[in-house]
Amino acid sequence: MRAARDDPTARHPSGIDTIGQAYINFARAEPGVFRLMFGLTNDHDELELKQAGEQTYGVLVDKVAEFLGRDFNDLVTQKRSYMLWTFVHGHAFLEIDKKTGTLKEHINERDYFLEITQKFLSD
């Protein structure tokens, strides 16, 4: 995600669309590790993987704060970061659980991430 954050091929000026794509690519490539990092782990607070998952969210929040010209802890930054993350996170689990069915044939994933990024980062 850090490499995606700085990817010059990003279609949205913020580069956040490439962060979303990196997130889903990781989920597809490493579904078991992805589940350990982002799945229900309430009783696994000491897991390094869970902590790594929380740090990846921080990459997104940092980039959103930078794009919006706001502080990391600003309410608008936090709200928009959360909205972006929930869309991509949900999509990742639907993908690795193979629940997208034929709908996936009608969705260009890169366009999907770009559209969501544009909607949630515009004023």
Foldseek 3Di string as FASTA:
>chain_A
DLVQQPDPPQPDVLSLLSLLVVLLVCCVVCVPLNCVCPNPPPVPVVDPSVVVSVVSLVSQLVSLCVVLVHDSPDPLSVVLSVQLCVVSVVVSVCVVVVNCPCVVVVDDSSVVSVVSCVVSNDD
